[in-house]
Amino acid sequence: MLTKRKKENVIKDVKRHDSDTGSPEVQVSILTKQIDELSKHLKKHGKDFHSRRGLLQMVADRRKHLKYLERKDAKAYAALIKKLGIKK
């Protein structure tokens, strides 16, 4: 789970304007950070199948947001992929 401070730092890096919390870039970056943290948890607790299901849902949700962003703004998509280090 992301703390409020970690979430604010993630948002600060990719926001479009001062009060931006819902743009696809912000949502993808938050999901990416959550996925990273949950992946670390699952490496330690391999039999936690409920968390694994949540991880798969987050990955699917991130994929949907990325697909939308690629369709709407290819330049922003490419910049976000490069900034977050996500492999396609």
C-alpha atoms as a PDB file:
ATOM      1  CA  MET A   1       0.000   0.000   0.000  1.00  0.00           C
ATOM      2  CA  LEU A   2       1.267   3.444  -0.887  1.00  0.00           C
ATOM      3  CA  THR A   3       1.633   6.032   1.824  1.00  0.00           C
ATOM      4  CA  LYS A   4       0.256   9.488   1.219  1.00  0.00           C
ATOM      5  CA  ARG A   5       3.765  10.937   0.835  1.00  0.00           C
ATOM      6  CA  LYS A   6       4.836   8.320  -1.742  1.00  0.00           C
ATOM      7  CA  LYS A   7       1.638   8.882  -3.706  1.00  0.00           C
ATOM      8  CA  GLU A   8       2.143  12.660  -3.707  1.00  0.00           C
ATOM      9  CA  ASN A   9       5.715  12.217  -4.972  1.00  0.00           C
ATOM     10  CA  VAL A  10       4.532   9.953  -7.791  1.00  0.00           C
ATOM     11  CA  ILE A  11       1.839  12.439  -8.783  1.00  0.00           C
ATOM     12  CA  LYS A  12       4.257  15.382  -8.627  1.00  0.00           C
ATOM     13  CA  ASP A  13       6.512  13.761 -11.240  1.00  0.00           C
ATOM     14  CA  VAL A  14       3.890  13.281 -13.965  1.00  0.00           C
ATOM     15  CA  LYS A  15       0.996  15.686 -13.350  1.00  0.00           C
ATOM     16  CA  ARG A  16      -0.220  17.888 -16.181  1.00  0.00           C
ATOM     17  CA  HIS A  17      -1.262  20.837 -13.983  1.00  0.00           C
ATOM     18  CA  ASP A  18      -1.292  21.760 -10.297  1.00  0.00           C
ATOM     19  CA  SER A  19      -4.491  19.982  -9.290  1.00  0.00           C
ATOM     20  CA  ASP A  20      -4.109  16.980 -11.601  1.00  0.00           C
ATOM     21  CA  THR A  21      -4.999  13.683  -9.923  1.00  0.00           C
ATOM     22  CA  GLY A  22      -6.982  11.830 -12.559  1.00  0.00           C
ATOM     23  CA  SER A  23      -5.155  12.070 -15.865  1.00  0.00           C
ATOM     24  CA  PRO A  24      -4.101   8.766 -17.446  1.00  0.00           C
ATOM     25  CA  GLU A  25      -0.448   9.590 -16.824  1.00  0.00           C
ATOM     26  CA  VAL A  26      -1.053  10.009 -13.082  1.00  0.00           C
ATOM     27  CA  GLN A  27      -3.192   6.894 -12.840  1.00  0.00           C
ATOM     28  CA  VAL A  28      -0.618   4.773 -14.691  1.00  0.00           C
ATOM     29  CA  SER A  29       2.235   6.036 -12.540  1.00  0.00           C
ATOM     30  CA  ILE A  30       0.321   5.326  -9.308  1.00  0.00           C
ATOM     31  CA  LEU A  31      -0.591   1.847 -10.528  1.00  0.00           C
ATOM     32  CA  THR A  32       3.026   1.215 -11.507  1.00  0.00           C
ATOM     33  CA  LYS A  33       4.234   2.137  -8.026  1.00  0.00           C
ATOM     34  CA  GLN A  34       1.551  -0.068  -6.422  1.00  0.00           C
ATOM     35  CA  ILE A  35       2.480  -2.950  -8.718  1.00  0.00           C
ATOM     36  CA  ASP A  36       6.146  -2.610  -7.767  1.00  0.00           C
ATOM     37  CA  GLU A  37       5.349  -2.655  -4.049  1.00  0.00           C
ATOM     38  CA  LEU A  38       2.965  -5.596  -4.346  1.00  0.00           C
ATOM     39  CA  SER A  39       5.509  -7.522  -6.417  1.00  0.00           C
ATOM     40  CA  LYS A  40       8.044  -7.128  -3.617  1.00  0.00           C
ATOM     41  CA  HIS A  41       5.452  -8.424  -1.159  1.00  0.00           C
ATOM     42  CA  LEU A  42       4.713 -11.452  -3.315  1.00  0.00           C
ATOM     43  CA  LYS A  43       8.388 -12.347  -3.613  1.00  0.00           C
ATOM     44  CA  LYS A  44       8.456 -12.623   0.167  1.00  0.00           C
ATOM     45  CA  HIS A  45       5.010 -14.250   0.564  1.00  0.00           C
ATOM     46  CA  GLY A  46       4.675 -16.624  -2.376  1.00  0.00           C
ATOM     47  CA  LYS A  47       1.422 -18.259  -1.290  1.00  0.00           C
ATOM     48  CA  ASP A  48      -0.560 -15.043  -0.881  1.00  0.00           C
ATOM     49  CA  PHE A  49      -3.010 -15.757  -3.675  1.00  0.00           C
ATOM     50  CA  HIS A  50      -5.447 -12.982  -2.761  1.00  0.00           C
ATOM     51  CA  SER A  51      -2.755 -10.360  -3.231  1.00  0.00           C
ATOM     52  CA  ARG A  52      -1.685 -12.047  -6.458  1.00  0.00           C
ATOM     53  CA  ARG A  53      -5.226 -11.636  -7.786  1.00  0.00           C
ATOM     54  CA  GLY A  54      -5.156  -7.949  -6.849  1.00  0.00           C
ATOM     55  CA  LEU A  55      -1.826  -7.594  -8.634  1.00  0.00           C
ATOM     56  CA  LEU A  56      -3.246  -9.102 -11.805  1.00  0.00           C
ATOM     57  CA  GLN A  57      -6.207  -6.718 -11.641  1.00  0.00           C
ATOM     58  CA  MET A  58      -3.860  -3.738 -11.260  1.00  0.00           C
ATOM     59  CA  VAL A  59      -1.756  -4.876 -14.220  1.00  0.00           C
ATOM     60  CA  ALA A  60      -4.892  -5.233 -16.359  1.00  0.00           C
ATOM     61  CA  ASP A  61      -6.129  -1.803 -15.266  1.00  0.00           C
ATOM     62  CA  ARG A  62      -2.763  -0.217 -16.061  1.00  0.00           C
ATOM     63  CA  ARG A  63      -2.774  -1.891 -19.471  1.00  0.00           C
ATOM     64  CA  LYS A  64      -6.215  -0.384 -20.208  1.00  0.00           C
ATOM     65  CA  HIS A  65      -5.060   3.094 -19.211  1.00  0.00           C
ATOM     66  CA  LEU A  66      -1.927   2.751 -21.346  1.00  0.00           C
ATOM     67  CA  LYS A  67      -3.945   1.577 -24.331  1.00  0.00           C
ATOM     68  CA  TYR A  68      -6.251   4.592 -23.943  1.00  0.00           C
ATOM     69  CA  LEU A  69      -3.321   6.994 -23.635  1.00  0.00           C
ATOM     70  CA  GLU A  70      -1.606   5.502 -26.685  1.00  0.00           C
ATOM     71  CA  ARG A  71      -4.780   5.956 -28.700  1.00  0.00           C
ATOM     72  CA  LYS A  72      -5.385   9.555 -27.559  1.00  0.00           C
ATOM     73  CA  ASP A  73      -1.852  10.988 -27.292  1.00  0.00           C
ATOM     74  CA  ALA A  74       1.026   8.920 -28.670  1.00  0.00           C
ATOM     75  CA  LYS A  75       3.698  11.440 -27.634  1.00  0.00           C
ATOM     76  CA  ALA A  76       2.552  11.474 -24.005  1.00  0.00           C
ATOM     77  CA  TYR A  77       2.367   7.677 -24.080  1.00  0.00           C
ATOM     78  CA  ALA A  78       5.945   7.348 -25.328  1.00  0.00           C
ATOM     79  CA  ALA A  79       7.222   9.849 -22.764  1.00  0.00           C
ATOM     80  CA  LEU A  80       5.421   8.080 -19.922  1.00  0.00           C
ATOM     81  CA  ILE A  81       6.682   4.648 -20.937  1.00  0.00           C
ATOM     82  CA  LYS A  82      10.225   5.995 -21.052  1.00  0.00           C
ATOM     83  CA  LYS A  83       9.908   7.829 -17.723  1.00  0.00           C
ATOM     84  CA  LEU A  84       8.449   4.840 -15.852  1.00  0.00           C
ATOM     85  CA  GLY A  85      10.629   2.235 -17.554  1.00  0.00           C
ATOM     86  CA  ILE A  86       7.691   0.058 -18.577  1.00  0.00           C
ATOM     87  CA  LYS A  87       8.361  -2.514 -21.272  1.00  0.00           C
ATOM     88  CA  LYS A  88       5.654  -3.057 -23.821  1.00  0.00           C
END
